[in-house]
Amino acid sequence: MPDTFDNKIIDKRVARRYVRKGILDEKDFEKYLKALPDVADQAVPVESEVEHVETDED
């Protein structure tokens, strides 16, 4: 297994596609994910405001 993966390969949105194409080994990917540190305690709440945008339906 490589020490690091290219970010575009390990992006979970496309990883399954790369596994199907044989670009990424599923076992290596799972091993990589399990080795990631748990940084949940470093999360920061995000606040946002959504402006109302008028549409034809309004």
C-alpha atoms as a PDB file:
ATOM      1  CA  MET A   1       0.000   0.000   0.000  1.00  0.00           C
ATOM      2  CA  PRO A   2       1.332   3.452  -0.793  1.00  0.00           C
ATOM      3  CA  ASP A   3       2.197   5.685   2.160  1.00  0.00           C
ATOM      4  CA  THR A   4      -0.010   8.415   0.750  1.00  0.00           C
ATOM      5  CA  PHE A   5      -2.803   8.593  -1.780  1.00  0.00           C
ATOM      6  CA  ASP A   6      -3.541  11.346  -4.259  1.00  0.00           C
ATOM      7  CA  ASN A   7      -6.455  13.381  -2.848  1.00  0.00           C
ATOM      8  CA  LYS A   8      -8.532  12.856  -5.984  1.00  0.00           C
ATOM      9  CA  ILE A   9      -8.341   9.087  -5.444  1.00  0.00           C
ATOM     10  CA  ILE A  10      -9.281   9.054  -1.775  1.00  0.00           C
ATOM     11  CA  ASP A  11     -12.187  11.453  -2.145  1.00  0.00           C
ATOM     12  CA  LYS A  12     -15.033   9.268  -0.916  1.00  0.00           C
ATOM     13  CA  ARG A  13     -17.305  10.609  -3.632  1.00  0.00           C
ATOM     14  CA  VAL A  14     -15.199   8.975  -6.348  1.00  0.00           C
ATOM     15  CA  ALA A  15     -13.347   6.206  -4.483  1.00  0.00           C
ATOM     16  CA  ARG A  16     -15.911   3.549  -5.425  1.00  0.00           C
ATOM     17  CA  ARG A  17     -15.470   4.390  -9.106  1.00  0.00           C
ATOM     18  CA  TYR A  18     -11.699   4.021  -8.787  1.00  0.00           C
ATOM     19  CA  VAL A  19     -12.127   0.702  -6.967  1.00  0.00           C
ATOM     20  CA  ARG A  20     -14.373  -0.576  -9.804  1.00  0.00           C
ATOM     21  CA  LYS A  21     -11.812   0.547 -12.395  1.00  0.00           C
ATOM     22  CA  GLY A  22      -8.967  -1.119 -10.503  1.00  0.00           C
ATOM     23  CA  ILE A  23      -7.143   2.164  -9.895  1.00  0.00           C
ATOM     24  CA  LEU A  24      -7.613   1.872  -6.128  1.00  0.00           C
ATOM     25  CA  ASP A  25      -7.458  -1.341  -4.109  1.00  0.00           C
ATOM     26  CA  GLU A  26     -10.456  -1.518  -1.775  1.00  0.00           C
ATOM     27  CA  LYS A  27      -8.521  -3.206   1.036  1.00  0.00           C
ATOM     28  CA  ASP A  28      -5.768  -0.576   0.881  1.00  0.00           C
ATOM     29  CA  PHE A  29      -8.368   2.175   0.908  1.00  0.00           C
ATOM     30  CA  GLU A  30     -10.163   0.706   3.950  1.00  0.00           C
ATOM     31  CA  LYS A  31      -6.823   0.295   5.738  1.00  0.00           C
ATOM     32  CA  TYR A  32      -5.989   3.920   4.963  1.00  0.00           C
ATOM     33  CA  LEU A  33      -9.342   5.135   6.325  1.00  0.00           C
ATOM     34  CA  LYS A  34      -8.964   3.144   9.540  1.00  0.00           C
ATOM     35  CA  ALA A  35      -5.492   4.622  10.089  1.00  0.00           C
ATOM     36  CA  LEU A  36      -6.747   8.218   9.940  1.00  0.00           C
ATOM     37  CA  PRO A  37      -6.702  10.016  13.288  1.00  0.00           C
ATOM     38  CA  ASP A  38      -9.978  10.935  14.994  1.00  0.00           C
ATOM     39  CA  VAL A  39     -10.015  14.746  14.992  1.00  0.00           C
ATOM     40  CA  ALA A  40     -13.700  15.204  15.862  1.00  0.00           C
ATOM     41  CA  ASP A  41     -12.739  17.101  19.016  1.00  0.00           C
ATOM     42  CA  GLN A  42     -11.119  19.758  16.811  1.00  0.00           C
ATOM     43  CA  ALA A  43     -14.322  20.490  14.904  1.00  0.00           C
ATOM     44  CA  VAL A  44     -15.623  24.056  14.958  1.00  0.00           C
ATOM     45  CA  PRO A  45     -19.316  24.944  14.684  1.00  0.00           C
ATOM     46  CA  VAL A  46     -20.183  26.792  11.500  1.00  0.00           C
ATOM     47  CA  GLU A  47     -22.818  29.490  11.371  1.00  0.00           C
ATOM     48  CA  SER A  48     -24.300  30.855   8.202  1.00  0.00           C
ATOM     49  CA  GLU A  49     -27.089  33.051   6.999  1.00  0.00           C
ATOM     50  CA  VAL A  50     -29.156  32.314   3.958  1.00  0.00           C
ATOM     51  CA  GLU A  51     -30.545  35.251   2.082  1.00  0.00           C
ATOM     52  CA  HIS A  52     -33.948  34.837   0.556  1.00  0.00           C
ATOM     53  CA  VAL A  53     -33.747  34.956  -3.207  1.00  0.00           C
ATOM     54  CA  GLU A  54     -37.024  35.576  -4.969  1.00  0.00           C
ATOM     55  CA  THR A  55     -37.928  33.134  -7.688  1.00  0.00           C
ATOM     56  CA  ASP A  56     -40.773  33.019 -10.157  1.00  0.00           C
ATOM     57  CA  GLU A  57     -42.586  30.741  -7.719  1.00  0.00           C
ATOM     58  CA  ASP A  58     -42.624  33.423  -4.950  1.00  0.00           C
END
